[in-house]
Amino acid sequence: MMSIMNYPTFKKAMGSESMKTEINIIAHIHSDFKSKFGIPRQSGLVDELEAEIIFEPEYRSPEALRGIEGFSHLWLLWQFSECAEKGWSPTVRPPKLGGNTRMGVFATRSPFRPNSIGLSCVKLIGVEKTEKYGCILRVGGADLMDGTPIFDIKPYLPYVDSHPEASGGFALQEKEGKLSVDFPDYLLSLIPAEKHTALLAVLAQDPRPAYINMPERVYGIDFAGFDIRFTVNSEKLTVIEVEKI
């Protein structure tokens, strides 16, 4: 382990006091979320959500994906692109703690970080060869907004990446509870059938900020090209309007 006394010498040997580096964007994700509201709070909460990872031209070599189909899950390293220019804070207010309690940024998954890098574990559905984009990855359970830049992709290794005995700190120890969803058939029919399962699962996770509980308030999700408006009363979410964007 590097000692504190040797740290200045180490920095000098590296050739830069600022120790900045450059990271290339290798791909972007295509998902059903055009805005942040409604995106699951963590990856893997809604396995039914499907997305596509489309590589930048210089990274579209099929050889770069050789062997990837042997893994069921992948790690994605990506950029909080909507927050990249907003700076960072040493403390943040996690929504799950009511939005008023401050915690250290490195004890949270807040997007307002020194480096705006996110980490998600997704299920690999498959590799698909396309004429326009070359080989793309189809993944499930992603918590990324449409167009999010991806820096790297690594395989999930269950024998070292899974720690069932791990402590979750102030975060939830298990997946969040679900709301019952009342989605009238005449409104649900406006949305493509292949999107129904994922949308219902997203709504059941309660997209509202955790510290807001206003039964009279109308919320809206931009999902798969539709504006879906709903209210929440107690443990029940009711969809009241669907409009194509």
Protein backbone atom coordinates (compact mmCIF):
# COMPACT_ATOMS: atom_id res chain seq x y z
CA MET A 1 0.00 0.00 0.00
CA MET A 2 1.29 3.48 -0.89
CA SER A 3 2.24 5.55 2.15
CA ILE A 4 1.18 9.19 2.51
CA MET A 5 4.84 10.25 2.74
CA ASN A 6 5.54 8.80 -0.70
CA TYR A 7 2.48 10.30 -2.38
CA PRO A 8 4.10 13.57 -3.63
CA THR A 9 6.96 11.54 -5.09
CA PHE A 10 4.45 9.28 -6.77
CA LYS A 11 2.62 12.24 -8.32
CA LYS A 12 5.87 13.71 -9.61
CA ALA A 13 6.85 10.37 -11.12
CA MET A 14 3.52 10.25 -12.92
CA GLY A 15 4.48 13.47 -14.70
CA SER A 16 1.43 15.57 -13.81
CA GLU A 17 0.29 17.35 -10.69
CA SER A 18 -3.31 17.36 -11.87
CA MET A 19 -3.25 13.67 -12.88
CA LYS A 20 -5.89 14.14 -15.55
CA THR A 21 -6.59 11.56 -18.18
CA GLU A 22 -8.82 11.09 -21.22
CA ILE A 23 -11.62 8.54 -21.49
CA ASN A 24 -13.10 7.56 -24.83
CA ILE A 25 -16.82 7.01 -25.36
CA ILE A 26 -17.14 3.55 -26.87
CA ALA A 27 -20.93 3.34 -27.23
CA HIS A 28 -24.30 4.89 -26.43
CA ILE A 29 -27.39 3.20 -25.07
CA HIS A 30 -30.82 3.33 -26.69
CA SER A 31 -33.57 3.01 -24.07
CA ASP A 32 -37.24 3.94 -23.67
CA PHE A 33 -36.47 6.86 -21.33
CA LYS A 34 -35.97 10.26 -22.95
CA SER A 35 -35.80 12.02 -19.57
CA LYS A 36 -34.57 11.09 -16.09
CA PHE A 37 -37.95 10.93 -14.36
CA GLY A 38 -39.22 7.38 -14.07
CA ILE A 39 -35.91 5.61 -14.64
CA PRO A 40 -35.49 2.82 -12.06
CA ARG A 41 -33.33 3.98 -9.15
CA GLN A 42 -30.89 1.09 -9.62
CA SER A 43 -30.05 -1.34 -12.37
CA GLY A 44 -31.75 -4.73 -12.12
CA LEU A 45 -34.89 -3.42 -10.40
CA VAL A 46 -36.92 -3.90 -13.59
CA ASP A 47 -35.50 -6.83 -15.52
CA GLU A 48 -38.25 -6.47 -18.14
CA LEU A 49 -36.75 -3.22 -19.43
CA GLU A 50 -34.79 -3.83 -22.62
CA ALA A 51 -32.24 -1.53 -24.23
CA GLU A 52 -29.66 -1.58 -27.01
CA ILE A 53 -25.99 -0.71 -26.77
CA ILE A 54 -24.77 0.77 -30.06
CA PHE A 55 -21.02 1.07 -30.48
CA GLU A 56 -19.17 4.00 -31.99
CA PRO A 57 -17.76 3.18 -35.46
CA GLU A 58 -14.16 2.62 -34.29
CA TYR A 59 -15.31 0.04 -31.74
CA ARG A 60 -17.63 -2.01 -33.96
CA SER A 61 -15.22 -4.86 -34.58
CA PRO A 62 -16.97 -8.21 -33.99
CA GLU A 63 -13.70 -9.43 -32.49
CA ALA A 64 -14.18 -7.05 -29.54
CA LEU A 65 -17.25 -9.08 -28.52
CA ARG A 66 -15.78 -12.55 -28.97
CA GLY A 67 -16.78 -14.68 -25.98
CA ILE A 68 -19.18 -12.16 -24.46
CA GLU A 69 -22.23 -14.38 -24.97
CA GLY A 70 -20.79 -16.79 -22.40
CA PHE A 71 -21.69 -14.28 -19.67
CA SER A 72 -25.22 -13.72 -18.41
CA HIS A 73 -24.58 -10.22 -17.00
CA LEU A 74 -22.34 -7.26 -17.76
CA TRP A 75 -21.00 -4.22 -15.94
CA LEU A 76 -21.49 -0.90 -17.73
CA LEU A 77 -19.35 2.14 -16.90
CA TRP A 78 -21.09 5.24 -18.19
CA GLN A 79 -21.38 9.00 -17.87
CA PHE A 80 -24.00 10.98 -15.96
CA SER A 81 -24.16 13.15 -19.07
CA GLU A 82 -27.02 15.34 -17.78
CA CYS A 83 -24.97 16.30 -14.70
CA ALA A 84 -21.43 16.39 -16.11
CA GLU A 85 -21.22 20.19 -16.13
CA LYS A 86 -22.95 20.79 -12.78
CA GLY A 87 -19.95 20.12 -10.57
CA TRP A 88 -19.79 18.04 -7.42
CA SER A 89 -20.36 18.35 -3.70
CA PRO A 90 -18.66 16.48 -0.83
CA THR A 91 -22.09 15.80 0.65
CA VAL A 92 -25.41 15.04 -1.04
CA ARG A 93 -29.00 14.44 0.10
CA PRO A 94 -30.14 10.90 -0.84
CA PRO A 95 -33.85 10.88 -1.79
CA LYS A 96 -34.43 7.70 0.22
CA LEU A 97 -33.51 9.59 3.40
CA GLY A 98 -36.20 12.19 2.77
CA GLY A 99 -34.05 14.64 0.80
CA ASN A 100 -32.93 16.48 3.96
CA THR A 101 -30.20 14.27 5.47
CA ARG A 102 -26.71 14.75 4.06
CA MET A 103 -24.30 11.90 3.41
CA GLY A 104 -20.81 11.82 1.93
CA VAL A 105 -20.87 11.64 -1.85
CA PHE A 106 -18.65 8.53 -1.80
CA ALA A 107 -21.21 6.80 0.44
CA THR A 108 -23.92 7.31 -2.20
CA ARG A 109 -24.59 6.75 -5.88
CA SER A 110 -25.38 10.40 -6.49
CA PRO A 111 -24.65 11.70 -10.01
CA PHE A 112 -22.96 14.84 -8.60
CA ARG A 113 -19.48 13.34 -8.32
CA PRO A 114 -15.90 14.56 -8.96
CA ASN A 115 -16.02 12.37 -12.06
CA SER A 116 -19.55 11.88 -13.42
CA ILE A 117 -19.22 8.10 -13.82
CA GLY A 118 -22.05 5.63 -13.24
CA LEU A 119 -21.89 1.86 -12.77
CA SER A 120 -24.70 -0.55 -13.69
CA CYS A 121 -25.07 -4.30 -13.84
CA VAL A 122 -27.32 -5.45 -16.70
CA LYS A 123 -28.48 -8.77 -18.09
CA LEU A 124 -27.10 -9.70 -21.50
CA ILE A 125 -30.03 -10.75 -23.67
CA GLY A 126 -27.93 -11.27 -26.76
CA VAL A 127 -25.67 -9.98 -29.51
CA GLU A 128 -27.38 -8.89 -32.70
CA LYS A 129 -25.71 -8.16 -36.02
CA THR A 130 -27.25 -5.18 -37.82
CA GLU A 131 -26.55 -3.69 -41.22
CA LYS A 132 -26.41 -0.09 -39.97
CA TYR A 133 -24.57 -0.39 -36.65
CA GLY A 134 -22.69 -3.68 -36.88
CA CYS A 135 -22.96 -5.83 -33.77
CA ILE A 136 -25.08 -4.37 -30.97
CA LEU A 137 -25.82 -5.67 -27.48
CA ARG A 138 -29.36 -6.18 -26.22
CA VAL A 139 -29.51 -5.86 -22.45
CA GLY A 140 -32.15 -6.03 -19.72
CA GLY A 141 -32.57 -4.13 -16.47
CA ALA A 142 -30.66 -1.00 -17.44
CA ASP A 143 -31.20 2.23 -15.49
CA LEU A 144 -29.83 4.55 -18.18
CA MET A 145 -31.47 7.37 -20.08
CA ASP A 146 -31.63 7.19 -23.87
CA GLY A 147 -28.37 8.37 -25.42
CA THR A 148 -26.20 7.88 -22.32
CA PRO A 149 -22.50 7.60 -23.24
CA ILE A 150 -20.78 4.35 -22.24
CA PHE A 151 -17.08 4.27 -21.36
CA ASP A 152 -16.53 0.55 -20.89
CA ILE A 153 -18.17 -2.87 -20.69
CA LYS A 154 -16.90 -5.69 -18.50
CA PRO A 155 -18.24 -9.18 -17.72
CA TYR A 156 -19.98 -9.79 -14.38
CA LEU A 157 -18.18 -12.59 -12.52
CA PRO A 158 -20.50 -14.13 -9.91
CA TYR A 159 -17.73 -15.84 -7.94
CA VAL A 160 -16.14 -12.50 -7.04
CA ASP A 161 -18.81 -9.86 -7.83
CA SER A 162 -21.61 -11.39 -5.74
CA HIS A 163 -21.51 -10.82 -1.97
CA PRO A 164 -24.83 -11.87 -0.39
CA GLU A 165 -23.47 -11.17 3.10
CA ALA A 166 -22.54 -7.56 2.29
CA SER A 167 -23.91 -4.68 4.38
CA GLY A 168 -26.01 -2.06 2.57
CA GLY A 169 -25.43 0.83 4.97
CA PHE A 170 -28.32 3.30 5.04
CA ALA A 171 -29.59 2.03 1.67
CA LEU A 172 -32.38 -0.52 1.38
CA GLN A 173 -31.38 -4.10 2.08
CA GLU A 174 -33.66 -5.54 -0.60
CA LYS A 175 -35.62 -4.51 -3.67
CA GLU A 176 -38.21 -1.87 -3.02
CA GLY A 177 -41.86 -2.68 -2.40
CA LYS A 178 -44.28 -2.37 -5.28
CA LEU A 179 -47.42 -0.34 -5.84
CA SER A 180 -50.55 -1.83 -7.33
CA VAL A 181 -51.10 -0.33 -10.78
CA ASP A 182 -54.51 0.55 -12.21
CA PHE A 183 -53.93 1.03 -15.95
CA PRO A 184 -57.28 1.13 -17.80
CA ASP A 185 -57.34 -1.16 -20.84
CA TYR A 186 -58.37 1.61 -23.22
CA LEU A 187 -55.28 3.61 -22.25
CA LEU A 188 -52.90 0.64 -22.17
CA SER A 189 -54.02 -0.31 -25.69
CA LEU A 190 -52.49 2.93 -26.99
CA ILE A 191 -49.03 1.62 -26.20
CA PRO A 192 -47.32 -1.14 -28.24
CA ALA A 193 -48.04 -4.53 -26.68
CA GLU A 194 -44.36 -5.46 -26.44
CA LYS A 195 -43.84 -2.52 -24.05
CA HIS A 196 -46.67 -3.38 -21.62
CA THR A 197 -44.78 -5.66 -19.22
CA ALA A 198 -41.82 -3.32 -18.78
CA LEU A 199 -44.01 -0.23 -18.39
CA LEU A 200 -46.21 -1.83 -15.73
CA ALA A 201 -43.10 -2.94 -13.83
CA VAL A 202 -41.64 0.58 -13.99
CA LEU A 203 -44.84 2.12 -12.64
CA ALA A 204 -45.07 -0.48 -9.86
CA GLN A 205 -41.64 0.63 -8.61
CA ASP A 206 -43.15 4.08 -7.79
CA PRO A 207 -41.31 6.62 -9.99
CA ARG A 208 -42.01 9.54 -7.63
CA PRO A 209 -39.24 11.09 -5.53
CA ALA A 210 -39.21 9.20 -2.25
CA TYR A 211 -39.84 12.30 -0.15
CA ILE A 212 -42.96 13.44 -2.05
CA ASN A 213 -46.37 12.06 -1.11
CA MET A 214 -49.12 14.23 -2.61
CA PRO A 215 -52.20 12.17 -3.64
CA GLU A 216 -53.66 15.07 -5.62
CA ARG A 217 -50.56 15.63 -7.72
CA VAL A 218 -50.37 14.40 -11.33
CA TYR A 219 -47.03 12.98 -12.45
CA GLY A 220 -45.83 12.18 -15.95
CA ILE A 221 -43.34 9.71 -17.43
CA ASP A 222 -41.88 9.97 -20.92
CA PHE A 223 -41.67 6.29 -21.88
CA ALA A 224 -41.21 4.75 -25.33
CA GLY A 225 -42.49 7.88 -27.04
CA PHE A 226 -45.57 8.32 -24.83
CA ASP A 227 -46.39 10.79 -22.07
CA ILE A 228 -48.02 8.69 -19.35
CA ARG A 229 -49.74 10.64 -16.57
CA PHE A 230 -50.74 9.15 -13.23
CA THR A 231 -51.60 9.78 -9.60
CA VAL A 232 -50.63 7.82 -6.49
CA ASN A 233 -52.88 7.39 -3.48
CA SER A 234 -51.61 5.22 -0.65
CA GLU A 235 -50.26 2.04 -2.29
CA LYS A 236 -52.16 2.42 -5.58
CA LEU A 237 -50.95 4.10 -8.78
CA THR A 238 -53.67 5.08 -11.26
CA VAL A 239 -52.94 6.02 -14.88
CA ILE A 240 -55.27 8.81 -15.99
CA GLU A 241 -53.94 9.83 -19.42
CA VAL A 242 -51.68 8.57 -22.23
CA GLU A 243 -50.54 10.82 -25.06
CA LYS A 244 -48.20 10.03 -27.92
CA ILE A 245 -45.29 12.46 -28.03
